[in-house]
């Protein structure tokens, strides 16, 4: 009968950065060890964490700056290295696989401790799994523990980082969240095109668009007020609130006149437009405060920045392979900023960059019309694809 699959999640804090080779004067030693032993689905079967009692070693200033541990703490609260290593060896022998974030460091530190406590260096065993190097499709460089945890779970590690047990727990959560994959439950608020919705569906997620208008493309869509379904247990929301009263354009219409422009029938001006702006800001606040762990709200540059908070990021379609310029702000909760995927070079007008949707003077080429707002509100497909790939986790 095959051995049940189990995992040992390991993290160490050290006295210094390890030198090449094994036992030698000034070699780095483990000053805190933590491990968590789980079954195949992440249920904790045992866990251990302890400081290690000094055996003639010191903690370097650089290492102390990272983890904050002192020689006095280790001496007062630590256990012997032999005792800690015997416990580790017992659980390592039972585990199907050891897992660490940046496993080359933790594995090397355990090799060093093994030599100091058993006076032998080489031990044949299964390779460790590394949660830092195993998901290159989601990160442009090896992610720090906090970055990977945030990406896969939406959690923020914060001040608990560089405590061995907290780091081991984070490593465990990354491993099982990435391994589970599966689909997230995604709400795309204020979208009628289906562009963002369909990008998430293409990656296996359960996505629903929502707008007062019907969807332009067949697919899961709720036609109605997004507030009706805001608390339906979503994992992620991408929100596109109407920008008509939020942008910096048409600033003249918020004044009380006199107006030199020709005012189209139905256009709000003066106090009526100011009231509409307050209602729009209140709607944005409701979306940003929704009980959803991951939220991205997009809008052009406007009054959200001054009235609510500045955006976490401003992106351009030409950073994602589109021949277009349109500054778009992103307000993020529980999400990392989008990474640019492909630069589309501009044409140069003198020393000024311009893209295909711009005149030489920099104005948008889209001519005034009754549906101009709809065309301007559409999400560029490659930005939608980047959202799904980068915010959709390991699905």
Protein backbone atom coordinates (compact mmCIF):
# COMPACT_ATOMS: atom_id res chain seq x y z
CA UNK A 1 0.00 0.00 0.00
CA UNK A 2 1.51 3.39 -0.99
CA UNK A 3 2.72 5.73 1.74
CA UNK A 4 0.21 8.56 2.47
CA UNK A 5 1.31 11.86 0.99
CA UNK A 6 2.55 14.29 3.65
CA UNK A 7 4.50 17.54 3.60
CA UNK A 8 6.99 19.24 5.90
CA UNK A 9 7.06 23.04 5.59
CA UNK A 10 10.36 24.39 6.89
CA UNK A 11 11.73 27.82 7.73
CA UNK A 12 14.94 28.87 9.45
CA UNK A 13 16.39 32.09 10.79
CA UNK A 14 20.18 32.18 10.81
CA UNK A 15 23.05 33.89 12.57
CA UNK A 16 24.52 35.08 9.26
CA UNK A 17 24.53 34.25 5.55
CA UNK A 18 26.08 30.78 5.11
CA UNK A 19 29.59 30.41 3.73
CA UNK A 20 30.57 27.82 1.13
CA UNK A 21 31.38 24.45 2.65
CA UNK A 22 30.38 22.96 5.96
CA UNK A 23 31.84 23.24 9.45
CA UNK A 24 34.31 26.12 9.71
CA UNK A 25 35.02 29.09 11.98
CA UNK A 26 32.37 31.80 11.61
CA UNK A 27 29.97 29.55 9.67
CA UNK A 28 26.30 30.57 9.81
CA UNK A 29 24.12 28.58 12.21
CA UNK A 30 20.37 28.18 12.70
CA UNK A 31 19.12 30.37 15.55
CA UNK A 32 15.40 29.64 15.02
CA UNK A 33 13.77 26.60 13.43
CA UNK A 34 10.12 26.01 12.62
CA UNK A 35 8.37 23.28 10.68
CA UNK A 36 4.79 22.20 10.03
CA UNK A 37 3.89 18.61 9.16
CA UNK A 38 0.65 18.28 7.15
CA UNK A 39 -1.37 15.72 5.29
CA UNK A 40 -2.02 15.86 1.55
CA UNK A 41 -4.74 18.52 1.82
CA UNK A 42 -3.01 20.81 4.31
CA UNK A 43 -4.38 19.59 7.61
CA UNK A 44 -1.74 20.21 10.28
CA UNK A 45 -0.61 16.97 11.91
CA UNK A 46 2.22 18.49 13.98
CA UNK A 47 4.18 21.71 14.23
CA UNK A 48 7.33 22.83 15.98
CA UNK A 49 9.06 26.17 16.56
CA UNK A 50 11.94 27.07 18.84
CA UNK A 51 14.93 29.31 19.23
CA UNK A 52 18.26 27.46 19.30
CA UNK A 53 20.60 27.80 22.27
CA UNK A 54 23.97 29.34 21.29
CA UNK A 55 26.91 26.97 21.05
CA UNK A 56 29.76 29.43 20.70
CA UNK A 57 28.21 31.38 17.85
CA UNK A 58 27.18 35.05 17.56
CA UNK A 59 24.35 36.73 15.63
CA UNK A 60 25.68 39.15 13.04
CA UNK A 61 24.36 42.72 12.89
CA UNK A 62 22.98 42.06 9.40
CA UNK A 63 21.05 38.97 10.51
CA UNK A 64 19.71 40.76 13.58
CA UNK A 65 18.47 43.59 11.35
CA UNK A 66 16.45 41.03 9.36
CA UNK A 67 14.84 38.92 12.09
CA UNK A 68 15.42 40.93 15.29
CA UNK A 69 16.61 37.95 17.35
CA UNK A 70 19.32 38.44 19.97
CA UNK A 71 21.87 36.11 21.51
CA UNK A 72 20.25 36.70 24.90
CA UNK A 73 16.83 35.57 23.66
CA UNK A 74 18.28 32.43 22.13
CA UNK A 75 20.24 31.62 25.29
CA UNK A 76 17.23 32.14 27.57
CA UNK A 77 14.50 30.51 25.48
CA UNK A 78 16.35 28.21 23.08
CA UNK A 79 16.82 24.45 23.04
CA UNK A 80 19.95 22.61 21.98
CA UNK A 81 20.72 22.20 18.30
CA UNK A 82 20.93 18.41 18.71
CA UNK A 83 17.43 18.24 20.21
CA UNK A 84 15.98 20.44 17.45
CA UNK A 85 17.71 18.46 14.69
CA UNK A 86 16.56 15.11 16.09
CA UNK A 87 12.98 16.35 15.93
CA UNK A 88 13.46 17.69 12.42
CA UNK A 89 15.07 14.44 11.18
CA UNK A 90 12.18 12.42 12.59
CA UNK A 91 9.54 14.40 10.70
CA UNK A 92 11.66 14.77 7.57
CA UNK A 93 11.93 10.98 7.39
CA UNK A 94 8.12 10.68 7.46
CA UNK A 95 7.34 13.46 4.96
CA UNK A 96 6.84 12.80 1.27
CA UNK A 97 8.40 16.17 0.50
CA UNK A 98 9.99 19.10 2.33
CA UNK A 99 8.80 22.53 1.19
CA UNK A 100 10.38 25.96 1.78
CA UNK A 101 10.31 29.42 0.26
CA UNK A 102 13.80 29.88 -1.10
CA UNK A 103 14.54 26.25 -0.30
CA UNK A 104 18.24 26.47 -1.27
CA UNK A 105 18.86 28.67 1.78
CA UNK A 106 16.83 26.68 4.32
CA UNK A 107 18.07 23.33 2.99
CA UNK A 108 21.65 24.54 3.16
CA UNK A 109 21.19 25.75 6.75
CA UNK A 110 19.77 22.36 7.72
CA UNK A 111 22.70 20.63 5.99
CA UNK A 112 25.09 22.74 8.06
CA UNK A 113 23.25 21.92 11.28
CA UNK A 114 23.18 18.26 10.32
CA UNK A 115 26.97 18.27 10.00
CA UNK A 116 27.42 20.06 13.33
CA UNK A 117 25.12 17.65 15.15
CA UNK A 118 26.02 14.36 13.44
CA UNK A 119 29.48 15.10 12.01
CA UNK A 120 28.54 14.01 8.51
CA UNK A 121 27.72 16.16 5.49
CA UNK A 122 26.06 14.16 2.74
CA UNK A 123 22.61 12.66 3.18
CA UNK A 124 20.77 11.20 0.14
CA UNK A 125 17.14 12.37 0.13
CA UNK A 126 14.33 13.71 -2.03
CA UNK A 127 14.79 17.28 -3.40
CA UNK A 128 12.86 19.99 -1.59
CA UNK A 129 10.04 21.90 -3.26
CA UNK A 130 10.53 25.67 -3.52
CA UNK A 131 7.50 27.98 -3.44
CA UNK A 132 9.70 30.87 -4.59
CA UNK A 133 10.93 29.28 -7.84
CA UNK A 134 7.99 27.09 -8.84
CA UNK A 135 5.58 29.67 -10.32
CA UNK A 136 7.58 31.72 -12.88
CA UNK A 137 4.46 32.18 -15.04
CA UNK A 138 3.08 34.61 -12.44
CA UNK A 139 6.14 36.64 -11.43
CA UNK A 140 8.75 38.58 -13.47
CA UNK A 141 11.37 37.70 -10.82
CA UNK A 142 11.52 35.32 -7.85
CA UNK A 143 8.86 36.63 -5.44
CA UNK A 144 9.51 37.40 -1.82
CA UNK A 145 7.45 35.39 0.64
CA UNK A 146 5.07 38.30 1.27
CA UNK A 147 4.56 38.85 -2.47
CA UNK A 148 3.73 35.21 -3.16
CA UNK A 149 1.38 35.01 -0.16
CA UNK A 150 -0.40 38.19 -1.28
CA UNK A 151 -0.73 36.94 -4.85
CA UNK A 152 -2.09 33.48 -4.07
CA UNK A 153 -4.19 34.19 -0.98
CA UNK A 154 -4.77 37.96 -0.83
CA UNK A 155 -3.26 37.98 2.67
CA UNK A 156 -0.65 40.50 3.84
CA UNK A 157 2.24 39.07 5.85
CA UNK A 158 3.11 42.40 7.46
CA UNK A 159 5.19 42.64 10.62
CA UNK A 160 5.11 38.89 11.29
CA UNK A 161 7.67 38.26 8.51
CA UNK A 162 11.01 36.71 9.51
CA UNK A 163 9.56 34.78 12.39
CA UNK A 164 10.25 31.17 11.43
CA UNK A 165 6.80 29.81 12.33
CA UNK A 166 4.91 32.65 10.63
CA UNK A 167 7.05 32.19 7.53
CA UNK A 168 6.51 28.41 7.55
CA UNK A 169 2.73 28.98 7.76
CA UNK A 170 2.88 31.43 4.88
CA UNK A 171 4.86 28.90 2.82
CA UNK A 172 2.24 26.24 3.56
CA UNK A 173 -0.61 28.55 2.55
CA UNK A 174 1.13 29.50 -0.71
CA UNK A 175 1.76 25.84 -1.56
CA UNK A 176 -1.81 24.67 -1.05
CA UNK A 177 -3.43 27.75 -2.60
CA UNK A 178 -1.31 27.35 -5.73
CA UNK A 179 -1.82 23.61 -5.79
CA UNK A 180 -5.59 23.86 -5.41
CA UNK A 181 -5.84 26.14 -8.42
CA UNK A 182 -9.48 25.82 -9.32
CA UNK A 183 -11.55 28.82 -10.18
CA UNK A 184 -12.23 31.94 -8.22
CA UNK A 185 -15.65 33.50 -8.04
CA UNK A 186 -15.17 36.79 -9.91
CA UNK A 187 -17.58 39.72 -10.16
CA UNK A 188 -16.96 42.21 -12.96
CA UNK A 189 -19.01 45.21 -11.89
CA UNK A 190 -20.34 47.80 -14.32
CA UNK A 191 -19.32 45.88 -17.43
CA UNK A 192 -21.64 45.21 -20.36
CA UNK A 193 -19.00 44.26 -22.96
CA UNK A 194 -18.03 40.97 -21.31
CA UNK A 195 -14.34 41.57 -22.09
CA UNK A 196 -12.96 41.18 -18.56
CA UNK A 197 -15.56 38.54 -17.64
CA UNK A 198 -14.62 36.35 -20.61
CA UNK A 199 -10.87 36.72 -19.92
CA UNK A 200 -11.39 35.19 -16.47
CA UNK A 201 -13.75 32.51 -17.78
CA UNK A 202 -11.09 31.51 -20.33
CA UNK A 203 -8.78 30.64 -17.42
CA UNK A 204 -11.34 28.49 -15.65
CA UNK A 205 -12.84 30.99 -13.23
CA UNK A 206 -16.51 31.47 -12.41
CA UNK A 207 -16.99 35.04 -13.61
CA UNK A 208 -20.12 37.17 -13.83
CA UNK A 209 -20.48 40.61 -15.39
CA UNK A 210 -23.04 43.03 -14.03
CA UNK A 211 -24.49 46.24 -15.43
CA UNK A 212 -27.77 48.09 -15.79
CA UNK A 213 -27.43 47.36 -19.52
CA UNK A 214 -27.66 43.88 -21.08
CA UNK A 215 -24.42 42.18 -22.04
CA UNK A 216 -23.15 42.76 -25.58
CA UNK A 217 -21.64 39.27 -25.77
CA UNK A 218 -23.31 36.05 -24.60
CA UNK A 219 -22.15 34.92 -21.19
CA UNK A 220 -22.98 35.02 -17.47
CA UNK A 221 -24.44 38.46 -16.79
CA UNK A 222 -26.64 40.08 -14.16
CA UNK A 223 -28.63 43.00 -15.53
CA UNK A 224 -29.39 45.17 -12.55
CA UNK A 225 -27.84 47.02 -9.63
CA UNK A 226 -24.48 45.56 -8.59
CA UNK A 227 -25.33 46.39 -4.96
CA UNK A 228 -27.94 43.60 -5.13
CA UNK A 229 -25.22 40.96 -5.48
CA UNK A 230 -22.19 42.62 -3.84
CA UNK A 231 -22.28 40.31 -0.80
CA UNK A 232 -22.70 37.02 -2.65
CA UNK A 233 -19.34 35.54 -1.61
CA UNK A 234 -17.03 36.80 -4.35
CA UNK A 235 -13.28 36.10 -4.26
CA UNK A 236 -12.41 39.00 -6.56
CA UNK A 237 -14.15 42.06 -8.00
CA UNK A 238 -13.04 44.12 -10.98
CA UNK A 239 -15.14 47.30 -10.95
CA UNK A 240 -15.61 49.88 -13.70
CA UNK A 241 -17.89 52.55 -12.18
CA UNK A 242 -19.22 55.12 -14.68
CA UNK A 243 -16.74 57.97 -14.96
CA UNK A 244 -19.01 60.68 -16.39
CA UNK A 245 -19.10 62.72 -13.18
CA UNK A 246 -15.72 61.59 -11.83
CA UNK A 247 -13.25 62.60 -14.55
CA UNK A 248 -11.34 65.87 -14.79
CA UNK A 249 -12.89 66.58 -18.19
CA UNK A 250 -15.81 69.03 -18.54
CA UNK A 251 -14.80 70.82 -15.34
CA UNK A 252 -16.69 73.87 -16.58
CA UNK A 253 -20.00 72.01 -16.19
CA UNK A 254 -19.61 71.80 -12.40
CA UNK A 255 -19.66 75.60 -12.11
CA UNK A 256 -22.80 77.73 -11.98
CA UNK A 257 -22.11 79.45 -15.28
CA UNK A 258 -22.42 81.43 -17.41
CA UNK A 259 -21.47 78.72 -19.93
CA UNK A 260 -19.77 79.50 -23.22
CA UNK A 261 -20.19 75.97 -24.54
CA UNK A 262 -23.31 74.72 -26.23
CA UNK A 263 -25.03 72.51 -23.68
CA UNK A 264 -26.57 69.34 -25.10
CA UNK A 265 -30.04 68.35 -24.03
CA UNK A 266 -29.89 66.14 -20.93
CA UNK A 267 -26.44 67.33 -19.81
CA UNK A 268 -26.29 68.07 -16.09
CA UNK A 269 -24.61 71.33 -15.09
CA UNK A 270 -24.10 73.36 -11.96
CA UNK A 271 -25.55 72.08 -8.70
CA UNK A 272 -27.23 69.11 -10.39
CA UNK A 273 -23.89 67.92 -11.75
CA UNK A 274 -22.22 68.45 -8.38
CA UNK A 275 -24.89 66.30 -6.73
CA UNK A 276 -24.31 63.63 -9.37
CA UNK A 277 -20.58 63.71 -8.60
CA UNK A 278 -21.24 63.16 -4.87
CA UNK A 279 -23.52 60.23 -5.70
CA UNK A 280 -20.83 58.78 -7.98
CA UNK A 281 -18.20 59.11 -5.25
CA UNK A 282 -20.52 57.44 -2.74
CA UNK A 283 -20.96 54.54 -5.18
CA UNK A 284 -17.18 54.23 -5.59
CA UNK A 285 -16.79 54.12 -1.80
CA UNK A 286 -19.36 51.32 -1.57
CA UNK A 287 -17.45 49.31 -4.15
CA UNK A 288 -14.06 49.86 -2.51
CA UNK A 289 -15.48 48.92 0.90
CA UNK A 290 -17.25 45.80 -0.35
CA UNK A 291 -16.69 42.62 1.72
CA UNK A 292 -14.54 41.05 -1.01
CA UNK A 293 -10.89 40.13 -0.29
CA UNK A 294 -9.50 41.22 -3.68
CA UNK A 295 -10.75 44.37 -5.42
CA UNK A 296 -9.55 46.35 -8.42
CA UNK A 297 -11.45 49.51 -9.33
CA UNK A 298 -10.52 51.33 -12.52
CA UNK A 299 -11.31 54.87 -13.65
CA UNK A 300 -9.68 57.68 -15.60
CA UNK A 301 -7.77 60.38 -13.76
CA UNK A 302 -10.32 62.36 -11.79
CA UNK A 303 -11.69 63.29 -8.39
CA UNK A 304 -11.46 59.82 -6.79
CA UNK A 305 -7.78 60.56 -6.20
CA UNK A 306 -8.45 63.79 -4.32
CA UNK A 307 -11.72 62.87 -2.61
CA UNK A 308 -11.16 59.22 -1.60
CA UNK A 309 -7.54 58.17 -2.09
CA UNK A 310 -4.81 58.12 -4.67
CA UNK A 311 -4.66 55.06 -6.95
CA UNK A 312 -2.14 52.30 -6.37
CA UNK A 313 -1.24 52.35 -10.07
CA UNK A 314 -1.78 54.18 -13.37
CA UNK A 315 -1.52 52.04 -16.50
CA UNK A 316 -1.55 52.66 -20.24
CA UNK A 317 -2.83 50.31 -22.97
CA UNK A 318 0.46 50.67 -24.85
CA UNK A 319 2.15 48.92 -21.89
CA UNK A 320 0.09 45.84 -22.79
CA UNK A 321 0.62 45.71 -26.54
CA UNK A 322 -2.12 48.09 -27.73
CA UNK A 323 -1.45 50.98 -30.08
CA UNK A 324 -3.30 53.42 -27.86
CA UNK A 325 -2.90 55.94 -25.05
CA UNK A 326 -5.44 56.16 -22.23
CA UNK A 327 -4.25 56.75 -18.68
CA UNK A 328 -6.23 54.46 -16.39
CA UNK A 329 -6.03 54.54 -12.59
CA UNK A 330 -6.28 51.36 -10.55
CA UNK A 331 -7.34 51.33 -6.90
CA UNK A 332 -6.34 47.96 -5.46
CA UNK A 333 -7.18 45.90 -2.39
CA UNK A 334 -5.51 42.55 -1.81
CA UNK A 335 -3.88 42.65 -5.24
CA UNK A 336 -0.40 43.37 -6.58
CA UNK A 337 -0.07 46.08 -9.25
CA UNK A 338 -0.43 44.85 -12.83
CA UNK A 339 2.85 44.14 -14.59
CA UNK A 340 3.27 45.54 -18.11
CA UNK A 341 3.34 42.71 -20.66
CA UNK A 342 4.35 44.22 -24.01
CA UNK A 343 5.38 47.74 -24.97
CA UNK A 344 3.86 49.18 -28.16
CA UNK A 345 6.18 51.92 -29.45
CA UNK A 346 4.62 55.30 -30.33
CA UNK A 347 4.98 57.40 -33.40
CA UNK A 348 6.90 60.56 -32.61
CA UNK A 349 5.52 64.01 -33.39
CA UNK A 350 8.62 66.09 -32.87
CA UNK A 351 9.72 64.96 -29.41
CA UNK A 352 6.22 63.92 -28.31
CA UNK A 353 5.02 60.28 -28.34
CA UNK A 354 1.64 59.65 -29.95
CA UNK A 355 -0.41 56.49 -30.50
CA UNK A 356 -3.03 55.61 -33.11
CA UNK A 357 -6.01 56.86 -31.08
CA UNK A 358 -4.40 60.32 -30.76
CA UNK A 359 -4.14 63.26 -33.10
CA UNK A 360 -0.75 64.87 -33.51
CA UNK A 361 -1.74 67.40 -30.86
CA UNK A 362 -2.55 64.61 -28.41
CA UNK A 363 -6.35 64.76 -28.51
CA UNK A 364 -8.44 61.60 -28.70
CA UNK A 365 -9.55 60.90 -32.26
CA UNK A 366 -12.92 59.54 -31.19
CA UNK A 367 -15.47 61.99 -32.54
CA UNK A 368 -18.40 63.19 -30.42
CA UNK A 369 -21.45 60.92 -30.61
CA UNK A 370 -24.24 59.54 -28.49
CA UNK A 371 -22.32 56.29 -27.87
CA UNK A 372 -18.85 57.81 -27.43
CA UNK A 373 -19.05 57.05 -23.69
CA UNK A 374 -19.59 53.36 -24.44
CA UNK A 375 -16.59 53.12 -26.74
CA UNK A 376 -14.41 55.00 -24.23
CA UNK A 377 -15.52 52.72 -21.39
CA UNK A 378 -14.43 49.43 -22.99
CA UNK A 379 -11.49 47.61 -21.41
CA UNK A 380 -8.66 46.83 -23.81
CA UNK A 381 -8.56 43.03 -24.36
CA UNK A 382 -4.88 42.62 -23.51
CA UNK A 383 -5.35 44.52 -20.25
CA UNK A 384 -8.27 42.21 -19.45
CA UNK A 385 -6.05 39.22 -20.26
CA UNK A 386 -3.30 40.55 -17.96
CA UNK A 387 -5.85 41.02 -15.16
CA UNK A 388 -7.02 37.43 -15.51
CA UNK A 389 -3.52 35.96 -15.73
CA UNK A 390 -1.94 38.02 -12.97
CA UNK A 391 -4.87 38.36 -10.57
CA UNK A 392 -6.45 35.01 -11.31
CA UNK A 393 -3.94 33.15 -9.18
CA UNK A 394 -2.80 29.67 -10.12
CA UNK A 395 -5.89 28.56 -11.95
